[in-house]
Amino acid sequence: MLTAENGPSALELTDVPDPKPADGQVLVDIKSCGICFPDLLMSQGKYQLRVPTPFTPGTEVAGVVREAPEGSTVKVGDKVLVASIVGGFAEQVVAAPEQLLPLPEGLTFDQGAAMGINYQTALFALKVRAQTAPGEVVGVLGAAGGVGTASIMVAKAMGAKVIAIVHRKGADELLRSAGADEIVQLEEGWGAELKKIAPEGVDVMIDPSGGDVFDEALRQVAPDGRYVVIGFAAGGIPTVKLNRVLFRNIAVVGAAWGEYVRTHPGVPELLHDELTEMIAAGMSPQVNVTYTLDELPKALTDLAEGRILGKAVVKIAD
């Protein structure tokens, strides 16, 4: 439970009564819960959704239905993903049936928890916002993070060539395993290195990071290309020099998945159906680090300090 909005250090492992589902709600036994930036931001009081403390954070749940109301779309024993918003770092959670999606066949609970926000965001950014076409070149900034690796895998599943752009050393094996065709190290002269691979630039640039790299990254977008802003994990919110947008005939588009879902509530199910097809065709969500529930403060601290390569989950039960 988060006792105050003071970051991961304010999390305490606590025994609480079992949750009781209200009319129409489903009770889920949690097996795994993904670790994502909204969890970190909520612990710091910096997320757009503010929940009064104390509360249990945790957004990306995978588990098994324990109780379901009559006539529900799910039944006892179903393996499900839960868009819980809060409550996921626990042994049980209650949710409305519309918050549940089926765990794709063949995935572990850890992989299901890893799907959550990252893969939905990646598909939303690449398909809905950027309209990426097969054969196009996609650049992925922040490629060694959870959204980054998910974007690599989804872009490859869509038939794109992917250039992973990364500042952290030692991530090459991870990025290759996700499907990156080329890797560019984010250091002085990186734009010239990218142009050796894609002389005209990339058709789509996926940016979950923001920060100082934005200006140079915008220069690497090909004419008619799309620069997709997903977030600002690097901390800084850049500004756009519109003359570059105008004279290169490129588009800068936002991909705020959570806000879009608020106004288009049917989108997660549609994206999930497409992701399930990608998984059936061979895409396998990665889990790169696991923690136990009592290690959650360390997990979120590791996320904040950039020590997690790829996607991390908290394993709650077998």
C-alpha atoms as a PDB file:
ATOM      1  CA  MET A   1       0.000   0.000   0.000  1.00  0.00           C
ATOM      2  CA  LEU A   2       1.134   3.525  -0.764  1.00  0.00           C
ATOM      3  CA  THR A   3       0.949   5.493   2.479  1.00  0.00           C
ATOM      4  CA  ALA A   4       1.902   8.904   1.029  1.00  0.00           C
ATOM      5  CA  GLU A   5       2.767  10.369  -2.370  1.00  0.00           C
ATOM      6  CA  ASN A   6       6.481  10.226  -1.583  1.00  0.00           C
ATOM      7  CA  GLY A   7       7.575   7.719  -4.210  1.00  0.00           C
ATOM      8  CA  PRO A   8       8.505   4.036  -3.886  1.00  0.00           C
ATOM      9  CA  SER A   9       9.858   4.438  -0.343  1.00  0.00           C
ATOM     10  CA  ALA A  10       6.291   5.110   0.845  1.00  0.00           C
ATOM     11  CA  LEU A  11       5.119   1.612  -0.163  1.00  0.00           C
ATOM     12  CA  GLU A  12       4.478  -0.850   2.673  1.00  0.00           C
ATOM     13  CA  LEU A  13       3.630  -4.559   2.461  1.00  0.00           C
ATOM     14  CA  THR A  14       0.424  -4.798   4.487  1.00  0.00           C
ATOM     15  CA  ASP A  15      -2.201  -7.382   5.379  1.00  0.00           C
ATOM     16  CA  VAL A  16      -5.712  -6.145   4.562  1.00  0.00           C
ATOM     17  CA  PRO A  17      -9.123  -7.846   4.445  1.00  0.00           C
ATOM     18  CA  ASP A  18      -9.984  -9.682   1.231  1.00  0.00           C
ATOM     19  CA  PRO A  19     -11.795  -7.418  -1.247  1.00  0.00           C
ATOM     20  CA  LYS A  20     -15.525  -8.001  -1.629  1.00  0.00           C
ATOM     21  CA  PRO A  21     -16.994  -7.557  -5.117  1.00  0.00           C
ATOM     22  CA  ALA A  22     -20.005  -5.263  -5.359  1.00  0.00           C
ATOM     23  CA  ASP A  23     -22.995  -6.145  -7.544  1.00  0.00           C
ATOM     24  CA  GLY A  24     -21.851  -6.890 -11.070  1.00  0.00           C
ATOM     25  CA  GLN A  25     -18.144  -6.974 -10.199  1.00  0.00           C
ATOM     26  CA  VAL A  26     -15.646  -9.784 -10.748  1.00  0.00           C
ATOM     27  CA  LEU A  27     -13.096 -11.023  -8.193  1.00  0.00           C
ATOM     28  CA  VAL A  28      -9.722 -12.050  -9.644  1.00  0.00           C
ATOM     29  CA  ASP A  29      -6.861 -13.958  -8.003  1.00  0.00           C
ATOM     30  CA  ILE A  30      -3.755 -12.110  -9.163  1.00  0.00           C
ATOM     31  CA  LYS A  31      -0.822 -14.113 -10.485  1.00  0.00           C
ATOM     32  CA  SER A  32       1.388 -11.324 -11.881  1.00  0.00           C
ATOM     33  CA  CYS A  33       1.307  -7.559 -12.210  1.00  0.00           C
ATOM     34  CA  GLY A  34       3.354  -5.526 -14.664  1.00  0.00           C
ATOM     35  CA  ILE A  35       5.500  -2.596 -13.599  1.00  0.00           C
ATOM     36  CA  CYS A  36       4.967   0.581 -15.623  1.00  0.00           C
ATOM     37  CA  PHE A  37       5.618   4.309 -15.454  1.00  0.00           C
ATOM     38  CA  PRO A  38       2.055   5.199 -14.390  1.00  0.00           C
ATOM     39  CA  ASP A  39       2.663   3.142 -11.205  1.00  0.00           C
ATOM     40  CA  LEU A  40       5.798   5.164 -10.508  1.00  0.00           C
ATOM     41  CA  LEU A  41       4.114   8.493 -11.269  1.00  0.00           C
ATOM     42  CA  MET A  42       1.133   7.618  -9.063  1.00  0.00           C
ATOM     43  CA  SER A  43       3.484   6.838  -6.177  1.00  0.00           C
ATOM     44  CA  GLN A  44       4.929  10.350  -6.612  1.00  0.00           C
ATOM     45  CA  GLY A  45       1.587  12.121  -7.017  1.00  0.00           C
ATOM     46  CA  LYS A  46       2.535  13.122 -10.577  1.00  0.00           C
ATOM     47  CA  TYR A  47      -0.005  11.095 -12.556  1.00  0.00           C
ATOM     48  CA  GLN A  48      -3.144  12.665 -14.025  1.00  0.00           C
ATOM     49  CA  LEU A  49      -5.220  10.341 -11.839  1.00  0.00           C
ATOM     50  CA  ARG A  50      -4.780  11.168  -8.137  1.00  0.00           C
ATOM     51  CA  VAL A  51      -6.036   8.543  -5.681  1.00  0.00           C
ATOM     52  CA  PRO A  52      -6.260   9.424  -1.965  1.00  0.00           C
ATOM     53  CA  THR A  53      -3.693   7.550   0.122  1.00  0.00           C
ATOM     54  CA  PRO A  54      -3.477   4.932   1.416  1.00  0.00           C
ATOM     55  CA  PHE A  55      -4.183   2.809  -1.652  1.00  0.00           C
ATOM     56  CA  THR A  56      -2.727  -0.158  -3.521  1.00  0.00           C
ATOM     57  CA  PRO A  57      -1.226   0.740  -6.904  1.00  0.00           C
ATOM     58  CA  GLY A  58      -0.864  -1.675  -9.814  1.00  0.00           C
ATOM     59  CA  THR A  59      -2.273  -1.320 -13.323  1.00  0.00           C
ATOM     60  CA  GLU A  60      -1.383  -4.393 -15.408  1.00  0.00           C
ATOM     61  CA  VAL A  61      -2.896  -7.521 -13.864  1.00  0.00           C
ATOM     62  CA  ALA A  62      -2.922 -11.118 -15.067  1.00  0.00           C
ATOM     63  CA  GLY A  63      -4.823 -13.690 -13.048  1.00  0.00           C
ATOM     64  CA  VAL A  64      -7.723 -16.123 -12.690  1.00  0.00           C
ATOM     65  CA  VAL A  65     -11.391 -15.312 -12.099  1.00  0.00           C
ATOM     66  CA  ARG A  66     -12.448 -16.440  -8.603  1.00  0.00           C
ATOM     67  CA  GLU A  67     -15.994 -15.005  -8.544  1.00  0.00           C
ATOM     68  CA  ALA A  68     -18.188 -13.688 -11.351  1.00  0.00           C
ATOM     69  CA  PRO A  69     -21.811 -12.512 -11.359  1.00  0.00           C
ATOM     70  CA  GLU A  70     -24.505 -14.427 -13.196  1.00  0.00           C
ATOM     71  CA  GLY A  71     -24.658 -13.518 -16.863  1.00  0.00           C
ATOM     72  CA  SER A  72     -21.136 -12.086 -16.855  1.00  0.00           C
ATOM     73  CA  THR A  73     -18.897 -12.205 -19.919  1.00  0.00           C
ATOM     74  CA  VAL A  74     -16.382 -14.223 -17.842  1.00  0.00           C
ATOM     75  CA  LYS A  75     -16.707 -17.286 -15.649  1.00  0.00           C
ATOM     76  CA  VAL A  76     -14.894 -18.768 -12.673  1.00  0.00           C
ATOM     77  CA  GLY A  77     -11.522 -20.200 -13.721  1.00  0.00           C
ATOM     78  CA  ASP A  78     -11.032 -17.971 -16.772  1.00  0.00           C
ATOM     79  CA  LYS A  79      -7.477 -16.693 -17.266  1.00  0.00           C
ATOM     80  CA  VAL A  80      -7.713 -12.947 -17.757  1.00  0.00           C
ATOM     81  CA  LEU A  81      -5.914  -9.643 -18.039  1.00  0.00           C
ATOM     82  CA  VAL A  82      -7.302  -6.802 -15.938  1.00  0.00           C
ATOM     83  CA  ALA A  83      -6.896  -3.101 -16.679  1.00  0.00           C
ATOM     84  CA  SER A  84      -7.149  -2.426 -12.975  1.00  0.00           C
ATOM     85  CA  ILE A  85      -5.840   1.194 -12.845  1.00  0.00           C
ATOM     86  CA  VAL A  86      -5.115   0.577  -9.141  1.00  0.00           C
ATOM     87  CA  GLY A  87      -5.107  -2.483  -6.894  1.00  0.00           C
ATOM     88  CA  GLY A  88      -2.825  -4.770  -8.912  1.00  0.00           C
ATOM     89  CA  PHE A  89       0.036  -5.172  -6.437  1.00  0.00           C
ATOM     90  CA  ALA A  90      -2.003  -7.477  -4.231  1.00  0.00           C
ATOM     91  CA  GLU A  91      -3.265 -11.045  -4.078  1.00  0.00           C
ATOM     92  CA  GLN A  92      -6.786 -10.208  -5.284  1.00  0.00           C
ATOM     93  CA  VAL A  93      -8.549  -7.387  -7.117  1.00  0.00           C
ATOM     94  CA  VAL A  94     -12.148  -6.572  -7.982  1.00  0.00           C
ATOM     95  CA  ALA A  95     -13.071  -5.102 -11.353  1.00  0.00           C
ATOM     96  CA  ALA A  96     -15.973  -4.556 -13.702  1.00  0.00           C
ATOM     97  CA  PRO A  97     -16.326  -7.232 -16.416  1.00  0.00           C
ATOM     98  CA  GLU A  98     -15.504  -4.651 -19.115  1.00  0.00           C
ATOM     99  CA  GLN A  99     -12.057  -4.194 -17.548  1.00  0.00           C
ATOM    100  CA  LEU A 100     -11.215  -7.844 -18.305  1.00  0.00           C
ATOM    101  CA  LEU A 101      -9.717  -9.336 -21.451  1.00  0.00           C
ATOM    102  CA  PRO A 102      -8.840 -12.993 -22.105  1.00  0.00           C
ATOM    103  CA  LEU A 103      -5.234 -14.067 -21.594  1.00  0.00           C
ATOM    104  CA  PRO A 104      -4.004 -15.043 -25.082  1.00  0.00           C
ATOM    105  CA  GLU A 105      -3.529 -18.781 -25.474  1.00  0.00           C
ATOM    106  CA  GLY A 106       0.000 -19.989 -24.833  1.00  0.00           C
ATOM    107  CA  LEU A 107       1.117 -17.026 -22.711  1.00  0.00           C
ATOM    108  CA  THR A 108       2.257 -17.286 -19.109  1.00  0.00           C
ATOM    109  CA  PHE A 109       0.722 -14.979 -16.519  1.00  0.00           C
ATOM    110  CA  ASP A 110       3.988 -13.032 -16.445  1.00  0.00           C
ATOM    111  CA  GLN A 111       3.772 -12.480 -20.203  1.00  0.00           C
ATOM    112  CA  GLY A 112       0.137 -11.462 -19.863  1.00  0.00           C
ATOM    113  CA  ALA A 113       1.033  -8.882 -17.225  1.00  0.00           C
ATOM    114  CA  ALA A 114       3.795  -7.633 -19.529  1.00  0.00           C
ATOM    115  CA  MET A 115       1.269  -7.006 -22.334  1.00  0.00           C
ATOM    116  CA  GLY A 116      -0.889  -4.479 -20.530  1.00  0.00           C
ATOM    117  CA  ILE A 117      -0.189  -0.851 -21.291  1.00  0.00           C
ATOM    118  CA  ASN A 118       3.008  -1.281 -23.293  1.00  0.00           C
ATOM    119  CA  TYR A 119       1.720  -3.432 -26.154  1.00  0.00           C
ATOM    120  CA  GLN A 120      -1.613  -1.613 -26.336  1.00  0.00           C
ATOM    121  CA  THR A 121       0.281   1.685 -26.479  1.00  0.00           C
ATOM    122  CA  ALA A 122       2.665   0.373 -29.133  1.00  0.00           C
ATOM    123  CA  LEU A 123      -0.127  -0.837 -31.424  1.00  0.00           C
ATOM    124  CA  PHE A 124      -2.164   2.317 -30.828  1.00  0.00           C
ATOM    125  CA  ALA A 125       0.844   4.485 -31.727  1.00  0.00           C
ATOM    126  CA  LEU A 126       1.958   2.477 -34.744  1.00  0.00           C
ATOM    127  CA  LYS A 127      -1.406   1.618 -36.278  1.00  0.00           C
ATOM    128  CA  VAL A 128      -4.025   4.111 -35.125  1.00  0.00           C
ATOM    129  CA  ARG A 129      -1.869   7.235 -34.916  1.00  0.00           C
ATOM    130  CA  ALA A 130       0.992   6.617 -37.389  1.00  0.00           C
ATOM    131  CA  GLN A 131      -0.831   4.284 -39.804  1.00  0.00           C
ATOM    132  CA  THR A 132       2.392   2.335 -40.307  1.00  0.00           C
ATOM    133  CA  ALA A 133       2.472   0.298 -43.513  1.00  0.00           C
ATOM    134  CA  PRO A 134       4.393  -2.935 -44.234  1.00  0.00           C
ATOM    135  CA  GLY A 135       7.886  -2.210 -45.523  1.00  0.00           C
ATOM    136  CA  GLU A 136       8.182   1.174 -43.843  1.00  0.00           C
ATOM    137  CA  VAL A 137      11.171   2.012 -41.627  1.00  0.00           C
ATOM    138  CA  VAL A 138      10.359   2.589 -37.950  1.00  0.00           C
ATOM    139  CA  GLY A 139      12.782   4.215 -35.520  1.00  0.00           C
ATOM    140  CA  VAL A 140      12.227   3.506 -31.827  1.00  0.00           C
ATOM    141  CA  LEU A 141      13.709   5.859 -29.242  1.00  0.00           C
ATOM    142  CA  GLY A 142      14.066   4.558 -25.687  1.00  0.00           C
ATOM    143  CA  ALA A 143      14.226   1.152 -27.333  1.00  0.00           C
ATOM    144  CA  ALA A 144      15.502  -0.718 -24.271  1.00  0.00           C
ATOM    145  CA  GLY A 145      12.486   0.182 -22.129  1.00  0.00           C
ATOM    146  CA  GLY A 146       9.137  -1.559 -21.829  1.00  0.00           C
ATOM    147  CA  VAL A 147       7.336   0.582 -24.412  1.00  0.00           C
ATOM    148  CA  GLY A 148      10.445   0.463 -26.607  1.00  0.00           C
ATOM    149  CA  THR A 149      10.723  -3.318 -26.764  1.00  0.00           C
ATOM    150  CA  ALA A 150       6.959  -3.635 -27.259  1.00  0.00           C
ATOM    151  CA  SER A 151       7.127  -1.135 -30.137  1.00  0.00           C
ATOM    152  CA  ILE A 152       9.921  -3.121 -31.780  1.00  0.00           C
ATOM    153  CA  MET A 153       7.929  -6.351 -31.594  1.00  0.00           C
ATOM    154  CA  VAL A 154       4.654  -4.828 -32.777  1.00  0.00           C
ATOM    155  CA  ALA A 155       6.340  -2.955 -35.642  1.00  0.00           C
ATOM    156  CA  LYS A 156       8.004  -6.179 -36.796  1.00  0.00           C
ATOM    157  CA  ALA A 157       4.666  -7.999 -36.593  1.00  0.00           C
ATOM    158  CA  MET A 158       3.239  -5.251 -38.838  1.00  0.00           C
ATOM    159  CA  GLY A 159       5.946  -5.899 -41.438  1.00  0.00           C
ATOM    160  CA  ALA A 160       8.154  -2.866 -40.760  1.00  0.00           C
ATOM    161  CA  LYS A 161      11.945  -2.598 -40.676  1.00  0.00           C
ATOM    162  CA  VAL A 162      12.971  -1.436 -37.186  1.00  0.00           C
ATOM    163  CA  ILE A 163      15.907   0.682 -36.071  1.00  0.00           C
ATOM    164  CA  ALA A 164      16.334   0.601 -32.293  1.00  0.00           C
ATOM    165  CA  ILE A 165      17.806   3.839 -30.909  1.00  0.00           C
ATOM    166  CA  VAL A 166      19.211   3.377 -27.419  1.00  0.00           C
ATOM    167  CA  HIS A 167      21.373   5.275 -24.950  1.00  0.00           C
ATOM    168  CA  ARG A 168      21.989   2.412 -22.515  1.00  0.00           C
ATOM    169  CA  LYS A 169      24.983   0.182 -23.130  1.00  0.00           C
ATOM    170  CA  GLY A 170      24.731  -3.596 -23.146  1.00  0.00           C
ATOM    171  CA  ALA A 171      21.212  -3.769 -24.585  1.00  0.00           C
ATOM    172  CA  ASP A 172      22.057  -5.169 -28.023  1.00  0.00           C
ATOM    173  CA  GLU A 173      21.118  -8.777 -27.240  1.00  0.00           C
ATOM    174  CA  LEU A 174      17.793  -7.666 -25.743  1.00  0.00           C
ATOM    175  CA  LEU A 175      16.995  -5.490 -28.753  1.00  0.00           C
ATOM    176  CA  ARG A 176      17.925  -8.180 -31.273  1.00  0.00           C
ATOM    177  CA  SER A 177      15.770 -10.701 -29.414  1.00  0.00           C
ATOM    178  CA  ALA A 178      12.837  -8.269 -29.648  1.00  0.00           C
ATOM    179  CA  GLY A 179      13.352  -8.125 -33.407  1.00  0.00           C
ATOM    180  CA  ALA A 180      15.390  -4.974 -34.059  1.00  0.00           C
ATOM    181  CA  ASP A 181      16.963  -5.043 -37.517  1.00  0.00           C
ATOM    182  CA  GLU A 182      19.521  -2.338 -36.711  1.00  0.00           C
ATOM    183  CA  ILE A 183      20.755  -0.654 -33.527  1.00  0.00           C
ATOM    184  CA  VAL A 184      21.986   2.930 -33.219  1.00  0.00           C
ATOM    185  CA  GLN A 185      23.707   4.030 -30.014  1.00  0.00           C
ATOM    186  CA  LEU A 186      22.442   7.391 -28.776  1.00  0.00           C
ATOM    187  CA  GLU A 187      25.704   9.325 -28.632  1.00  0.00           C
ATOM    188  CA  GLU A 188      27.318  12.206 -30.497  1.00  0.00           C
ATOM    189  CA  GLY A 189      26.815  11.768 -34.220  1.00  0.00           C
ATOM    190  CA  TRP A 190      24.002   9.250 -33.873  1.00  0.00           C
ATOM    191  CA  GLY A 191      21.898  10.966 -36.532  1.00  0.00           C
ATOM    192  CA  ALA A 192      24.622  10.445 -39.125  1.00  0.00           C
ATOM    193  CA  GLU A 193      24.821   6.771 -38.125  1.00  0.00           C
ATOM    194  CA  LEU A 194      21.075   6.386 -38.602  1.00  0.00           C
ATOM    195  CA  LYS A 195      21.270   8.024 -42.040  1.00  0.00           C
ATOM    196  CA  LYS A 196      23.805   5.377 -43.100  1.00  0.00           C
ATOM    197  CA  ILE A 197      21.062   2.802 -42.470  1.00  0.00           C
ATOM    198  CA  ALA A 198      18.116   4.857 -43.742  1.00  0.00           C
ATOM    199  CA  PRO A 199      19.478   7.614 -46.018  1.00  0.00           C
ATOM    200  CA  GLU A 200      16.087   9.317 -46.378  1.00  0.00           C
ATOM    201  CA  GLY A 201      15.311   8.951 -42.683  1.00  0.00           C
ATOM    202  CA  VAL A 202      12.667   6.865 -40.938  1.00  0.00           C
ATOM    203  CA  ASP A 203       9.034   6.798 -41.991  1.00  0.00           C
ATOM    204  CA  VAL A 204       7.848   6.591 -38.381  1.00  0.00           C
ATOM    205  CA  MET A 205       9.694   7.687 -35.236  1.00  0.00           C
ATOM    206  CA  ILE A 206       8.302   6.349 -31.950  1.00  0.00           C
ATOM    207  CA  ASP A 207       9.266   8.531 -28.969  1.00  0.00           C
ATOM    208  CA  PRO A 208       8.337   7.538 -25.412  1.00  0.00           C
ATOM    209  CA  SER A 209      11.219   9.588 -23.983  1.00  0.00           C
ATOM    210  CA  GLY A 210      11.098  13.257 -24.968  1.00  0.00           C
ATOM    211  CA  GLY A 211      13.935  15.308 -23.537  1.00  0.00           C
ATOM    212  CA  ASP A 212      17.016  16.707 -25.259  1.00  0.00           C
ATOM    213  CA  VAL A 213      17.107  14.160 -28.078  1.00  0.00           C
ATOM    214  CA  PHE A 214      13.910  15.479 -29.685  1.00  0.00           C
ATOM    215  CA  ASP A 215      15.423  18.058 -32.074  1.00  0.00           C
ATOM    216  CA  GLU A 216      17.921  15.636 -33.577  1.00  0.00           C
ATOM    217  CA  ALA A 217      15.320  12.860 -33.716  1.00  0.00           C
ATOM    218  CA  LEU A 218      12.906  15.087 -35.625  1.00  0.00           C
ATOM    219  CA  ARG A 219      15.627  15.648 -38.234  1.00  0.00           C
ATOM    220  CA  GLN A 220      15.747  11.892 -38.832  1.00  0.00           C
ATOM    221  CA  VAL A 221      12.144  11.669 -40.057  1.00  0.00           C
ATOM    222  CA  ALA A 222      11.792  11.225 -43.807  1.00  0.00           C
ATOM    223  CA  PRO A 223       9.556  13.458 -45.923  1.00  0.00           C
ATOM    224  CA  ASP A 224       5.928  12.351 -45.479  1.00  0.00           C
ATOM    225  CA  GLY A 225       6.981  10.714 -42.214  1.00  0.00           C
ATOM    226  CA  ARG A 226       5.297  10.712 -38.799  1.00  0.00           C
ATOM    227  CA  TYR A 227       6.858  11.520 -35.424  1.00  0.00           C
ATOM    228  CA  VAL A 228       4.782   9.908 -32.664  1.00  0.00           C
ATOM    229  CA  VAL A 229       4.973  11.401 -29.168  1.00  0.00           C
ATOM    230  CA  ILE A 230       4.091   8.788 -26.527  1.00  0.00           C
ATOM    231  CA  GLY A 231       5.517  10.291 -23.356  1.00  0.00           C
ATOM    232  CA  PHE A 232       8.356  12.054 -21.595  1.00  0.00           C
ATOM    233  CA  ALA A 233      10.228   9.348 -19.687  1.00  0.00           C
ATOM    234  CA  ALA A 234      13.454  11.366 -19.981  1.00  0.00           C
ATOM    235  CA  GLY A 235      11.817  14.147 -17.995  1.00  0.00           C
ATOM    236  CA  GLY A 236      11.918  17.118 -20.389  1.00  0.00           C
ATOM    237  CA  ILE A 237       8.983  18.233 -22.539  1.00  0.00           C
ATOM    238  CA  PRO A 238      10.425  19.483 -25.853  1.00  0.00           C
ATOM    239  CA  THR A 239       8.997  22.104 -28.200  1.00  0.00           C
ATOM    240  CA  VAL A 240       8.520  21.720 -31.940  1.00  0.00           C
ATOM    241  CA  LYS A 241      10.186  23.981 -34.500  1.00  0.00           C
ATOM    242  CA  LEU A 242       7.355  24.111 -36.999  1.00  0.00           C
ATOM    243  CA  ASN A 243       9.507  25.148 -39.941  1.00  0.00           C
ATOM    244  CA  ARG A 244      10.967  21.604 -39.946  1.00  0.00           C
ATOM    245  CA  VAL A 245       7.483  20.130 -39.900  1.00  0.00           C
ATOM    246  CA  LEU A 246       6.376  22.391 -42.743  1.00  0.00           C
ATOM    247  CA  PHE A 247       9.295  22.146 -45.147  1.00  0.00           C
ATOM    248  CA  ARG A 248       9.795  18.395 -44.710  1.00  0.00           C
ATOM    249  CA  ASN A 249       6.058  17.692 -44.984  1.00  0.00           C
ATOM    250  CA  ILE A 250       6.066  15.587 -41.836  1.00  0.00           C
ATOM    251  CA  ALA A 251       3.509  15.142 -39.061  1.00  0.00           C
ATOM    252  CA  VAL A 252       4.011  15.245 -35.301  1.00  0.00           C
ATOM    253  CA  VAL A 253       1.210  13.291 -33.629  1.00  0.00           C
ATOM    254  CA  GLY A 254       0.349  12.443 -30.062  1.00  0.00           C
ATOM    255  CA  ALA A 255      -0.394   8.918 -28.846  1.00  0.00           C
ATOM    256  CA  ALA A 256      -1.900   9.285 -25.369  1.00  0.00           C
ATOM    257  CA  TRP A 257      -3.400   5.804 -25.072  1.00  0.00           C
ATOM    258  CA  GLY A 258      -5.010   6.334 -21.656  1.00  0.00           C
ATOM    259  CA  GLU A 259      -6.751   9.542 -22.668  1.00  0.00           C
ATOM    260  CA  TYR A 260      -7.913   8.004 -25.951  1.00  0.00           C
ATOM    261  CA  VAL A 261      -9.395   5.022 -24.117  1.00  0.00           C
ATOM    262  CA  ARG A 262     -11.305   7.384 -21.827  1.00  0.00           C
ATOM    263  CA  THR A 263     -13.185   8.754 -24.833  1.00  0.00           C
ATOM    264  CA  HIS A 264     -13.106   5.558 -26.954  1.00  0.00           C
ATOM    265  CA  PRO A 265     -13.758   2.762 -24.403  1.00  0.00           C
ATOM    266  CA  GLY A 266     -14.050   0.021 -27.043  1.00  0.00           C
ATOM    267  CA  VAL A 267     -10.502   0.485 -28.329  1.00  0.00           C
ATOM    268  CA  PRO A 268      -8.635  -1.797 -25.839  1.00  0.00           C
ATOM    269  CA  GLU A 269     -10.724  -4.814 -26.894  1.00  0.00           C
ATOM    270  CA  LEU A 270     -10.093  -4.115 -30.594  1.00  0.00           C
ATOM    271  CA  LEU A 271      -6.353  -3.685 -30.028  1.00  0.00           C
ATOM    272  CA  HIS A 272      -6.284  -6.801 -27.838  1.00  0.00           C
ATOM    273  CA  ASP A 273      -7.894  -8.860 -30.606  1.00  0.00           C
ATOM    274  CA  GLU A 274      -5.198  -7.736 -33.041  1.00  0.00           C
ATOM    275  CA  LEU A 275      -2.405  -8.354 -30.515  1.00  0.00           C
ATOM    276  CA  THR A 276      -3.821 -11.837 -29.908  1.00  0.00           C
ATOM    277  CA  GLU A 277      -3.599 -12.510 -33.658  1.00  0.00           C
ATOM    278  CA  MET A 278       0.026 -11.315 -33.639  1.00  0.00           C
ATOM    279  CA  ILE A 279       0.792 -13.648 -30.734  1.00  0.00           C
ATOM    280  CA  ALA A 280      -0.867 -16.559 -32.533  1.00  0.00           C
ATOM    281  CA  ALA A 281       1.372 -15.749 -35.508  1.00  0.00           C
ATOM    282  CA  GLY A 282       4.515 -15.917 -33.370  1.00  0.00           C
ATOM    283  CA  MET A 283       4.958 -12.677 -31.423  1.00  0.00           C
ATOM    284  CA  SER A 284       5.956 -13.484 -27.829  1.00  0.00           C
ATOM    285  CA  PRO A 285       5.786 -10.687 -25.225  1.00  0.00           C
ATOM    286  CA  GLN A 286       9.039 -10.424 -23.324  1.00  0.00           C
ATOM    287  CA  VAL A 287       9.510 -10.525 -19.570  1.00  0.00           C
ATOM    288  CA  ASN A 288      13.052  -9.458 -18.788  1.00  0.00           C
ATOM    289  CA  VAL A 289      13.034  -9.002 -14.987  1.00  0.00           C
ATOM    290  CA  THR A 290      10.805 -10.370 -12.220  1.00  0.00           C
ATOM    291  CA  TYR A 291      10.375  -9.228  -8.623  1.00  0.00           C
ATOM    292  CA  THR A 292       8.455 -10.545  -5.642  1.00  0.00           C
ATOM    293  CA  LEU A 293       5.692  -8.480  -4.047  1.00  0.00           C
ATOM    294  CA  ASP A 294       7.849  -7.386  -1.104  1.00  0.00           C
ATOM    295  CA  GLU A 295      10.425  -6.098  -3.627  1.00  0.00           C
ATOM    296  CA  LEU A 296       8.005  -3.624  -5.208  1.00  0.00           C
ATOM    297  CA  PRO A 297       9.700  -0.501  -3.745  1.00  0.00           C
ATOM    298  CA  LYS A 298      13.002  -1.697  -5.247  1.00  0.00           C
ATOM    299  CA  ALA A 299      11.311  -2.487  -8.560  1.00  0.00           C
ATOM    300  CA  LEU A 300       9.849   1.008  -8.930  1.00  0.00           C
ATOM    301  CA  THR A 301      13.131   2.571  -7.816  1.00  0.00           C
ATOM    302  CA  ASP A 302      14.975   0.517 -10.423  1.00  0.00           C
ATOM    303  CA  LEU A 303      12.471   1.720 -13.029  1.00  0.00           C
ATOM    304  CA  ALA A 304      12.918   5.345 -11.981  1.00  0.00           C
ATOM    305  CA  GLU A 305      16.717   5.079 -12.121  1.00  0.00           C
ATOM    306  CA  GLY A 306      16.869   3.317 -15.491  1.00  0.00           C
ATOM    307  CA  ARG A 307      18.166  -0.021 -14.219  1.00  0.00           C
ATOM    308  CA  ILE A 308      15.461  -2.122 -15.878  1.00  0.00           C
ATOM    309  CA  LEU A 309      16.132  -3.234 -19.439  1.00  0.00           C
ATOM    310  CA  GLY A 310      12.935  -4.292 -21.181  1.00  0.00           C
ATOM    311  CA  LYS A 311       9.845  -5.190 -19.163  1.00  0.00           C
ATOM    312  CA  ALA A 312       9.585  -6.093 -15.478  1.00  0.00           C
ATOM    313  CA  VAL A 313       6.740  -7.788 -13.632  1.00  0.00           C
ATOM    314  CA  VAL A 314       5.943  -8.604 -10.026  1.00  0.00           C
ATOM    315  CA  LYS A 315       5.233 -12.318  -9.624  1.00  0.00           C
ATOM    316  CA  ILE A 316       2.541 -12.681  -6.957  1.00  0.00           C
ATOM    317  CA  ALA A 317       1.514 -16.350  -7.178  1.00  0.00           C
ATOM    318  CA  ASP A 318       2.304 -19.436  -9.246  1.00  0.00           C
END
